[in-house]
PDB file of N, CA and C in Angstrom:
ATOM      1  N   THR A   1       0.844  -1.175   0.000  1.00  0.00           N
ATOM      2  CA  THR A   1       0.000   0.000   0.000  1.00  0.00           C
ATOM      3  C   THR A   1       0.888   1.236   0.000  1.00  0.00           C
ATOM      4  N   GLU A   2       0.368   2.306  -0.518  1.00  0.00           N
ATOM      5  CA  GLU A   2       1.085   3.577  -0.506  1.00  0.00           C
ATOM      6  C   GLU A   2       0.501   4.527   0.530  1.00  0.00           C
ATOM      7  N   ASN A   3      -0.538   4.075   1.223  1.00  0.00           N
ATOM      8  CA  ASN A   3      -1.214   4.927   2.194  1.00  0.00           C
ATOM      9  C   ASN A   3      -1.048   4.319   3.587  1.00  0.00           C
ATOM     10  N   GLU A   4      -0.322   5.003   4.436  1.00  0.00           N
ATOM     11  CA  GLU A   4      -0.036   4.481   5.777  1.00  0.00           C
ATOM     12  C   GLU A   4      -1.315   4.204   6.567  1.00  0.00           C
ATOM     13  N   ARG A   5      -2.374   4.955   6.292  1.00  0.00           N
ATOM     14  CA  ARG A   5      -3.644   4.742   7.000  1.00  0.00           C
ATOM     15  C   ARG A   5      -4.248   3.373   6.690  1.00  0.00           C
ATOM     16  N   ASN A   6      -3.881   2.773   5.569  1.00  0.00           N
ATOM     17  CA  ASN A   6      -4.430   1.470   5.184  1.00  0.00           C
ATOM     18  C   ASN A   6      -3.779   0.295   5.907  1.00  0.00           C
ATOM     19  N   ILE A   7      -2.650   0.512   6.552  1.00  0.00           N
ATOM     20  CA  ILE A   7      -1.909  -0.589   7.171  1.00  0.00           C
ATOM     21  C   ILE A   7      -2.769  -1.350   8.172  1.00  0.00           C
ATOM     22  N   LYS A   8      -3.451  -0.665   9.065  1.00  0.00           N
ATOM     23  CA  LYS A   8      -4.294  -1.338  10.069  1.00  0.00           C
ATOM     24  C   LYS A   8      -5.388  -2.158   9.407  1.00  0.00           C
ATOM     25  N   LEU A   9      -5.948  -1.663   8.321  1.00  0.00           N
ATOM     26  CA  LEU A   9      -6.977  -2.403   7.597  1.00  0.00           C
ATOM     27  C   LEU A   9      -6.406  -3.719   7.067  1.00  0.00           C
ATOM     28  N   TYR A  10      -5.255  -3.647   6.418  1.00  0.00           N
ATOM     29  CA  TYR A  10      -4.634  -4.856   5.896  1.00  0.00           C
ATOM     30  C   TYR A  10      -4.257  -5.825   7.017  1.00  0.00           C
ATOM     31  N   GLU A  11      -3.739  -5.300   8.125  1.00  0.00           N
ATOM     32  CA  GLU A  11      -3.384  -6.164   9.250  1.00  0.00           C
ATOM     33  C   GLU A  11      -4.621  -6.862   9.806  1.00  0.00           C
ATOM     34  N   HIS A  12      -5.743  -6.183   9.809  1.00  0.00           N
ATOM     35  CA  HIS A  12      -6.997  -6.786  10.272  1.00  0.00           C
ATOM     36  C   HIS A  12      -7.326  -8.039   9.462  1.00  0.00           C
ATOM     37  N   PHE A  13      -6.993  -8.032   8.181  1.00  0.00           N
ATOM     38  CA  PHE A  13      -7.270  -9.171   7.314  1.00  0.00           C
ATOM     39  C   PHE A  13      -6.101 -10.146   7.223  1.00  0.00           C
ATOM     40  N   GLY A  14      -5.137 -10.028   8.142  1.00  0.00           N
ATOM     41  CA  GLY A  14      -4.072 -11.019   8.249  1.00  0.00           C
ATOM     42  C   GLY A  14      -2.783 -10.704   7.514  1.00  0.00           C
ATOM     43  N   PHE A  15      -2.672  -9.529   6.932  1.00  0.00           N
ATOM     44  CA  PHE A  15      -1.446  -9.167   6.232  1.00  0.00           C
ATOM     45  C   PHE A  15      -0.390  -8.704   7.223  1.00  0.00           C
ATOM     46  N   GLU A  16       0.870  -8.946   6.871  1.00  0.00           N
ATOM     47  CA  GLU A  16       2.003  -8.493   7.673  1.00  0.00           C
ATOM     48  C   GLU A  16       2.929  -7.672   6.778  1.00  0.00           C
ATOM     49  N   ILE A  17       3.513  -6.638   7.334  1.00  0.00           N
ATOM     50  CA  ILE A  17       4.479  -5.832   6.588  1.00  0.00           C
ATOM     51  C   ILE A  17       5.779  -6.619   6.477  1.00  0.00           C
ATOM     52  N   VAL A  18       6.300  -6.733   5.263  1.00  0.00           N
ATOM     53  CA  VAL A  18       7.574  -7.422   5.057  1.00  0.00           C
ATOM     54  C   VAL A  18       8.681  -6.455   4.647  1.00  0.00           C
ATOM     55  N   ASP A  19       8.294  -5.274   4.178  1.00  0.00           N
ATOM     56  CA  ASP A  19       9.291  -4.281   3.787  1.00  0.00           C
ATOM     57  C   ASP A  19       8.601  -2.935   3.632  1.00  0.00           C
ATOM     58  N   HIS A  20       9.367  -1.888   3.720  1.00  0.00           N
ATOM     59  CA  HIS A  20       8.847  -0.555   3.445  1.00  0.00           C
ATOM     60  C   HIS A  20       9.961   0.260   2.810  1.00  0.00           C
ATOM     61  N   ALA A  21       9.563   1.251   2.023  1.00  0.00           N
ATOM     62  CA  ALA A  21      10.557   2.056   1.322  1.00  0.00           C
ATOM     63  C   ALA A  21      10.062   3.476   1.158  1.00  0.00           C
ATOM     64  N   SER A  22      11.002   4.378   1.127  1.00  0.00           N
ATOM     65  CA  SER A  22      10.723   5.763   0.764  1.00  0.00           C
ATOM     66  C   SER A  22      11.175   5.933  -0.676  1.00  0.00           C
ATOM     67  N   ILE A  23      10.331   6.530  -1.479  1.00  0.00           N
ATOM     68  CA  ILE A  23      10.654   6.732  -2.885  1.00  0.00           C
ATOM     69  C   ILE A  23      11.615   7.928  -2.988  1.00  0.00           C
ATOM     70  N   PRO A  24      12.786   7.728  -3.594  1.00  0.00           N
ATOM     71  CA  PRO A  24      13.777   8.808  -3.675  1.00  0.00           C
ATOM     72  C   PRO A  24      13.219  10.060  -4.360  1.00  0.00           C
ATOM     73  N   ASN A  25      13.662  11.193  -3.895  1.00  0.00           N
ATOM     74  CA  ASN A  25      13.295  12.495  -4.456  1.00  0.00           C
ATOM     75  C   ASN A  25      11.802  12.786  -4.399  1.00  0.00           C
ATOM     76  N   SER A  26      11.120  12.197  -3.426  1.00  0.00           N
ATOM     77  CA  SER A  26       9.691  12.465  -3.252  1.00  0.00           C
ATOM     78  C   SER A  26       9.328  12.225  -1.792  1.00  0.00           C
ATOM     79  N   GLU A  27       8.095  12.516  -1.467  1.00  0.00           N
ATOM     80  CA  GLU A  27       7.609  12.252  -0.116  1.00  0.00           C
ATOM     81  C   GLU A  27       6.830  10.939  -0.052  1.00  0.00           C
ATOM     82  N   LEU A  28       6.826  10.189  -1.141  1.00  0.00           N
ATOM     83  CA  LEU A  28       6.062   8.947  -1.208  1.00  0.00           C
ATOM     84  C   LEU A  28       6.734   7.830  -0.423  1.00  0.00           C
ATOM     85  N   LYS A  29       5.901   7.005   0.182  1.00  0.00           N
ATOM     86  CA  LYS A  29       6.360   5.816   0.891  1.00  0.00           C
ATOM     87  C   LYS A  29       5.528   4.640   0.398  1.00  0.00           C
ATOM     88  N   ALA A  30       6.075   3.447   0.526  1.00  0.00           N
ATOM     89  CA  ALA A  30       5.350   2.245   0.126  1.00  0.00           C
ATOM     90  C   ALA A  30       5.655   1.128   1.113  1.00  0.00           C
ATOM     91  N   TRP A  31       4.646   0.290   1.369  1.00  0.00           N
ATOM     92  CA  TRP A  31       4.783  -0.845   2.269  1.00  0.00           C
ATOM     93  C   TRP A  31       4.441  -2.108   1.496  1.00  0.00           C
ATOM     94  N   ALA A  32       5.327  -3.100   1.572  1.00  0.00           N
ATOM     95  CA  ALA A  32       5.076  -4.403   0.957  1.00  0.00           C
ATOM     96  C   ALA A  32       4.518  -5.317   2.038  1.00  0.00           C
ATOM     97  N   MET A  33       3.455  -6.046   1.690  1.00  0.00           N
ATOM     98  CA  MET A  33       2.787  -6.895   2.673  1.00  0.00           C
ATOM     99  C   MET A  33       2.559  -8.283   2.103  1.00  0.00           C
ATOM    100  N   ILE A  34       2.398  -9.225   3.028  1.00  0.00           N
ATOM    101  CA  ILE A  34       2.117 -10.604   2.645  1.00  0.00           C
ATOM    102  C   ILE A  34       1.086 -11.167   3.611  1.00  0.00           C
ATOM    103  N   ARG A  35       0.287 -12.083   3.116  1.00  0.00           N
ATOM    104  CA  ARG A  35      -0.668 -12.779   3.984  1.00  0.00           C
ATOM    105  C   ARG A  35      -0.413 -14.264   3.831  1.00  0.00           C
ATOM    106  N   LYS A  36      -0.140 -14.913   4.944  1.00  0.00           N
ATOM    107  CA  LYS A  36       0.125 -16.348   4.919  1.00  0.00           C
ATOM    108  C   LYS A  36      -1.171 -17.109   4.671  1.00  0.00           C
ATOM    109  N   LYS A  37      -1.048 -18.200   3.955  1.00  0.00           N
ATOM    110  CA  LYS A  37      -2.197 -19.037   3.649  1.00  0.00           C
ATOM    111  C   LYS A  37      -2.759 -19.639   4.931  1.00  0.00           C
ATOM    112  N   LYS A  38      -4.071 -19.577   5.068  1.00  0.00           N
ATOM    113  CA  LYS A  38      -4.724 -20.159   6.244  1.00  0.00           C
ATOM    114  C   LYS A  38      -5.005 -21.636   6.002  1.00  0.00           C
ATOM    115  N   VAL A  39      -4.718 -22.454   6.996  1.00  0.00           N
ATOM    116  CA  VAL A  39      -5.032 -23.874   6.921  1.00  0.00           C
ATOM    117  C   VAL A  39      -6.457 -24.046   7.425  1.00  0.00           C
ATOM    118  N   VAL A  40      -7.285 -24.653   6.606  1.00  0.00           N
ATOM    119  CA  VAL A  40      -8.700 -24.817   6.973  1.00  0.00           C
ATOM    120  C   VAL A  40      -8.923 -26.172   7.582  1.00  0.00           C
TER     121      VAL A  40
END
């Protein structure tokens, strides 16, 4: 996601942050997330 406010929403659905980055020469940030497969 590129919106920090969305992180809690994604975490609610089981996503975890695996990396984050600031885009050079800008104020943009990005977070990479993953959700592990649920065993049913």
